[in-house]
Amino acid sequence: MYCLWDNEEARKRSEKQVLVSGKILPHGYESNGVINIFGDKVAIVLWKEKHPSGFMIENEEIAHSFKKWFKLLWETVK
């Protein structure tokens, strides 16, 4: 699994899992929101303290678009 983290703490938590690698976004891009892309699904979640909320989109074209945006970010972040 490839991840783009917004801080070092998130990286340390995730890299304990098997087969996880990633990069840290530049300072100023911190967010409580996450986007998970898997197959033809995109899950968008806002992790607020006591009331997380989110939704999932199941659409091949939308998932493909998110994968392309992720690839752009991945190639841009050092």
N, C-alpha and C. Protein backbone atom coordinates (compact mmCIF):
# COMPACT_ATOMS: atom_id res chain seq x y z
N MET A 1 0.85 -1.16 0.00
CA MET A 1 0.00 0.00 0.00
C MET A 1 0.90 1.24 0.00
N TYR A 2 0.53 2.20 -0.80
CA TYR A 2 1.27 3.47 -0.88
C TYR A 2 0.47 4.55 -0.18
N CYS A 3 1.16 5.34 0.65
CA CYS A 3 0.49 6.38 1.44
C CYS A 3 1.19 7.72 1.26
N LEU A 4 0.41 8.76 1.35
CA LEU A 4 0.93 10.12 1.46
C LEU A 4 0.47 10.62 2.82
N TRP A 5 1.42 10.81 3.73
CA TRP A 5 1.09 11.25 5.09
C TRP A 5 1.26 12.74 5.22
N ASP A 6 0.52 13.31 6.18
CA ASP A 6 0.66 14.75 6.39
C ASP A 6 1.54 15.08 7.60
N ASN A 7 2.05 14.04 8.29
CA ASN A 7 2.98 14.29 9.39
C ASN A 7 3.76 13.03 9.73
N GLU A 8 4.82 13.21 10.47
CA GLU A 8 5.72 12.11 10.82
C GLU A 8 5.04 11.08 11.72
N GLU A 9 4.18 11.52 12.62
CA GLU A 9 3.49 10.61 13.52
C GLU A 9 2.61 9.63 12.75
N ALA A 10 1.89 10.13 11.76
CA ALA A 10 1.04 9.26 10.93
C ALA A 10 1.90 8.25 10.18
N ARG A 11 3.05 8.69 9.69
CA ARG A 11 3.95 7.78 8.99
C ARG A 11 4.40 6.66 9.91
N LYS A 12 4.81 6.99 11.12
CA LYS A 12 5.30 5.98 12.06
C LYS A 12 4.22 4.96 12.40
N ARG A 13 2.98 5.41 12.56
CA ARG A 13 1.88 4.48 12.86
C ARG A 13 1.64 3.53 11.70
N SER A 14 1.62 4.06 10.48
CA SER A 14 1.28 3.25 9.31
C SER A 14 2.40 2.30 8.88
N GLU A 15 3.64 2.74 9.01
CA GLU A 15 4.74 1.91 8.53
C GLU A 15 4.97 0.67 9.38
N LYS A 16 4.29 0.56 10.52
CA LYS A 16 4.38 -0.65 11.33
C LYS A 16 3.66 -1.80 10.63
N GLN A 17 2.77 -1.48 9.72
CA GLN A 17 2.03 -2.50 8.99
C GLN A 17 2.91 -3.09 7.88
N VAL A 18 2.62 -4.29 7.51
CA VAL A 18 3.37 -4.97 6.46
C VAL A 18 3.03 -4.37 5.10
N LEU A 19 4.03 -4.22 4.26
CA LEU A 19 3.87 -3.77 2.88
C LEU A 19 3.30 -2.35 2.75
N VAL A 20 3.70 -1.46 3.64
CA VAL A 20 3.27 -0.07 3.57
C VAL A 20 4.50 0.80 3.34
N SER A 21 4.41 1.65 2.37
CA SER A 21 5.47 2.63 2.15
C SER A 21 4.81 3.94 1.74
N GLY A 22 5.53 5.02 1.91
CA GLY A 22 4.92 6.29 1.56
C GLY A 22 5.86 7.46 1.66
N LYS A 23 5.27 8.63 1.55
CA LYS A 23 6.01 9.89 1.59
C LYS A 23 5.23 10.87 2.45
N ILE A 24 5.95 11.85 2.98
CA ILE A 24 5.31 12.86 3.81
C ILE A 24 5.08 14.12 2.99
N LEU A 25 3.86 14.63 3.03
CA LEU A 25 3.52 15.87 2.32
C LEU A 25 4.25 17.06 2.93
N PRO A 26 4.47 18.10 2.17
CA PRO A 26 5.13 19.29 2.71
C PRO A 26 4.30 19.94 3.83
N HIS A 27 4.98 20.67 4.69
CA HIS A 27 4.32 21.39 5.77
C HIS A 27 3.24 22.30 5.19
N GLY A 28 2.11 22.38 5.88
CA GLY A 28 1.01 23.21 5.43
C GLY A 28 -0.11 22.42 4.76
N TYR A 29 0.09 21.12 4.57
CA TYR A 29 -0.92 20.29 3.92
C TYR A 29 -1.57 19.30 4.89
N GLU A 30 -1.54 19.62 6.19
CA GLU A 30 -2.15 18.76 7.19
C GLU A 30 -3.67 18.77 7.01
N SER A 31 -4.29 17.62 7.32
CA SER A 31 -5.74 17.51 7.14
C SER A 31 -6.29 16.39 8.00
N ASN A 32 -7.52 16.55 8.46
CA ASN A 32 -8.22 15.47 9.14
C ASN A 32 -8.93 14.56 8.14
N GLY A 33 -8.87 14.90 6.88
CA GLY A 33 -9.52 14.11 5.85
C GLY A 33 -8.57 13.10 5.23
N VAL A 34 -9.10 11.96 4.86
CA VAL A 34 -8.31 10.94 4.17
C VAL A 34 -9.09 10.45 2.96
N ILE A 35 -8.36 9.98 1.98
CA ILE A 35 -8.96 9.38 0.79
C ILE A 35 -8.30 8.02 0.59
N ASN A 36 -9.10 6.99 0.54
CA ASN A 36 -8.61 5.64 0.26
C ASN A 36 -9.16 5.21 -1.09
N ILE A 37 -8.28 4.71 -1.94
CA ILE A 37 -8.67 4.28 -3.28
C ILE A 37 -8.37 2.78 -3.36
N PHE A 38 -9.38 2.00 -3.70
CA PHE A 38 -9.17 0.56 -3.82
C PHE A 38 -10.10 0.02 -4.88
N GLY A 39 -9.50 -0.59 -5.90
CA GLY A 39 -10.30 -1.12 -7.00
C GLY A 39 -11.10 -0.01 -7.66
N ASP A 40 -12.41 -0.20 -7.74
CA ASP A 40 -13.27 0.81 -8.35
C ASP A 40 -14.00 1.64 -7.29
N LYS A 41 -13.43 1.69 -6.08
CA LYS A 41 -14.04 2.41 -4.97
C LYS A 41 -13.12 3.51 -4.45
N VAL A 42 -13.74 4.62 -4.01
CA VAL A 42 -13.03 5.72 -3.37
C VAL A 42 -13.78 6.02 -2.08
N ALA A 43 -13.07 5.93 -0.96
CA ALA A 43 -13.66 6.26 0.34
C ALA A 43 -13.06 7.57 0.82
N ILE A 44 -13.90 8.51 1.18
CA ILE A 44 -13.46 9.81 1.67
C ILE A 44 -13.99 9.95 3.10
N VAL A 45 -13.06 10.15 4.04
CA VAL A 45 -13.44 10.19 5.45
C VAL A 45 -12.84 11.43 6.10
N LEU A 46 -13.62 12.08 6.93
CA LEU A 46 -13.15 13.18 7.76
C LEU A 46 -13.12 12.68 9.19
N TRP A 47 -11.92 12.57 9.75
CA TRP A 47 -11.73 12.02 11.09
C TRP A 47 -11.78 13.13 12.12
N LYS A 48 -12.97 13.62 12.41
CA LYS A 48 -13.15 14.58 13.50
C LYS A 48 -13.16 13.80 14.80
N GLU A 49 -12.77 14.45 15.87
CA GLU A 49 -12.56 13.80 17.16
C GLU A 49 -13.60 12.74 17.51
N LYS A 50 -14.83 13.14 17.77
CA LYS A 50 -15.84 12.19 18.21
C LYS A 50 -16.84 11.82 17.12
N HIS A 51 -16.81 12.54 16.01
CA HIS A 51 -17.84 12.34 14.99
C HIS A 51 -17.23 12.23 13.60
N PRO A 52 -16.55 11.11 13.31
CA PRO A 52 -16.04 10.95 11.95
C PRO A 52 -17.20 10.79 10.98
N SER A 53 -17.00 11.25 9.77
CA SER A 53 -18.03 11.06 8.75
C SER A 53 -17.34 10.78 7.43
N GLY A 54 -18.06 10.13 6.54
CA GLY A 54 -17.46 9.80 5.26
C GLY A 54 -18.47 9.22 4.31
N PHE A 55 -17.97 8.95 3.13
CA PHE A 55 -18.81 8.31 2.12
C PHE A 55 -17.92 7.55 1.15
N MET A 56 -18.53 6.63 0.45
CA MET A 56 -17.79 5.83 -0.53
C MET A 56 -18.46 5.94 -1.88
N ILE A 57 -17.64 6.08 -2.89
CA ILE A 57 -18.11 6.13 -4.27
C ILE A 57 -17.63 4.85 -4.96
N GLU A 58 -18.53 4.16 -5.58
CA GLU A 58 -18.16 2.97 -6.35
C GLU A 58 -18.39 3.29 -7.81
N ASN A 59 -17.31 3.65 -8.49
CA ASN A 59 -17.38 4.04 -9.89
C ASN A 59 -15.99 3.93 -10.48
N GLU A 60 -15.84 3.13 -11.50
CA GLU A 60 -14.53 2.86 -12.09
C GLU A 60 -13.85 4.13 -12.61
N GLU A 61 -14.60 4.99 -13.28
CA GLU A 61 -14.01 6.21 -13.84
C GLU A 61 -13.55 7.18 -12.75
N ILE A 62 -14.35 7.32 -11.71
CA ILE A 62 -13.96 8.21 -10.61
C ILE A 62 -12.72 7.64 -9.90
N ALA A 63 -12.71 6.35 -9.63
CA ALA A 63 -11.55 5.73 -8.99
C ALA A 63 -10.31 5.91 -9.86
N HIS A 64 -10.44 5.76 -11.15
CA HIS A 64 -9.31 5.95 -12.06
C HIS A 64 -8.79 7.39 -11.99
N SER A 65 -9.70 8.35 -11.92
CA SER A 65 -9.29 9.76 -11.81
C SER A 65 -8.53 10.01 -10.51
N PHE A 66 -9.03 9.47 -9.40
CA PHE A 66 -8.34 9.64 -8.12
C PHE A 66 -6.96 8.98 -8.16
N LYS A 67 -6.85 7.82 -8.80
CA LYS A 67 -5.55 7.15 -8.92
C LYS A 67 -4.57 8.00 -9.71
N LYS A 68 -5.04 8.66 -10.76
CA LYS A 68 -4.17 9.54 -11.54
C LYS A 68 -3.71 10.73 -10.70
N TRP A 69 -4.61 11.31 -9.91
CA TRP A 69 -4.24 12.44 -9.04
C TRP A 69 -3.24 12.00 -7.98
N PHE A 70 -3.46 10.79 -7.43
CA PHE A 70 -2.50 10.26 -6.45
C PHE A 70 -1.13 10.10 -7.09
N LYS A 71 -1.10 9.56 -8.30
CA LYS A 71 0.17 9.37 -8.99
C LYS A 71 0.88 10.71 -9.18
N LEU A 72 0.15 11.75 -9.56
CA LEU A 72 0.73 13.07 -9.72
C LEU A 72 1.34 13.55 -8.40
N LEU A 73 0.59 13.44 -7.31
CA LEU A 73 1.11 13.84 -6.01
C LEU A 73 2.33 13.01 -5.63
N TRP A 74 2.27 11.71 -5.85
CA TRP A 74 3.37 10.81 -5.50
C TRP A 74 4.65 11.22 -6.22
N GLU A 75 4.52 11.53 -7.50
CA GLU A 75 5.70 11.90 -8.28
C GLU A 75 6.21 13.31 -7.92
N THR A 76 5.35 14.14 -7.35
CA THR A 76 5.73 15.51 -7.00
C THR A 76 6.40 15.60 -5.63
N VAL A 77 5.94 14.79 -4.68
CA VAL A 77 6.46 14.83 -3.31
C VAL A 77 7.80 14.12 -3.26
N LYS A 78 8.74 14.71 -2.56
CA LYS A 78 10.09 14.10 -2.45
C LYS A 78 10.12 12.99 -1.44
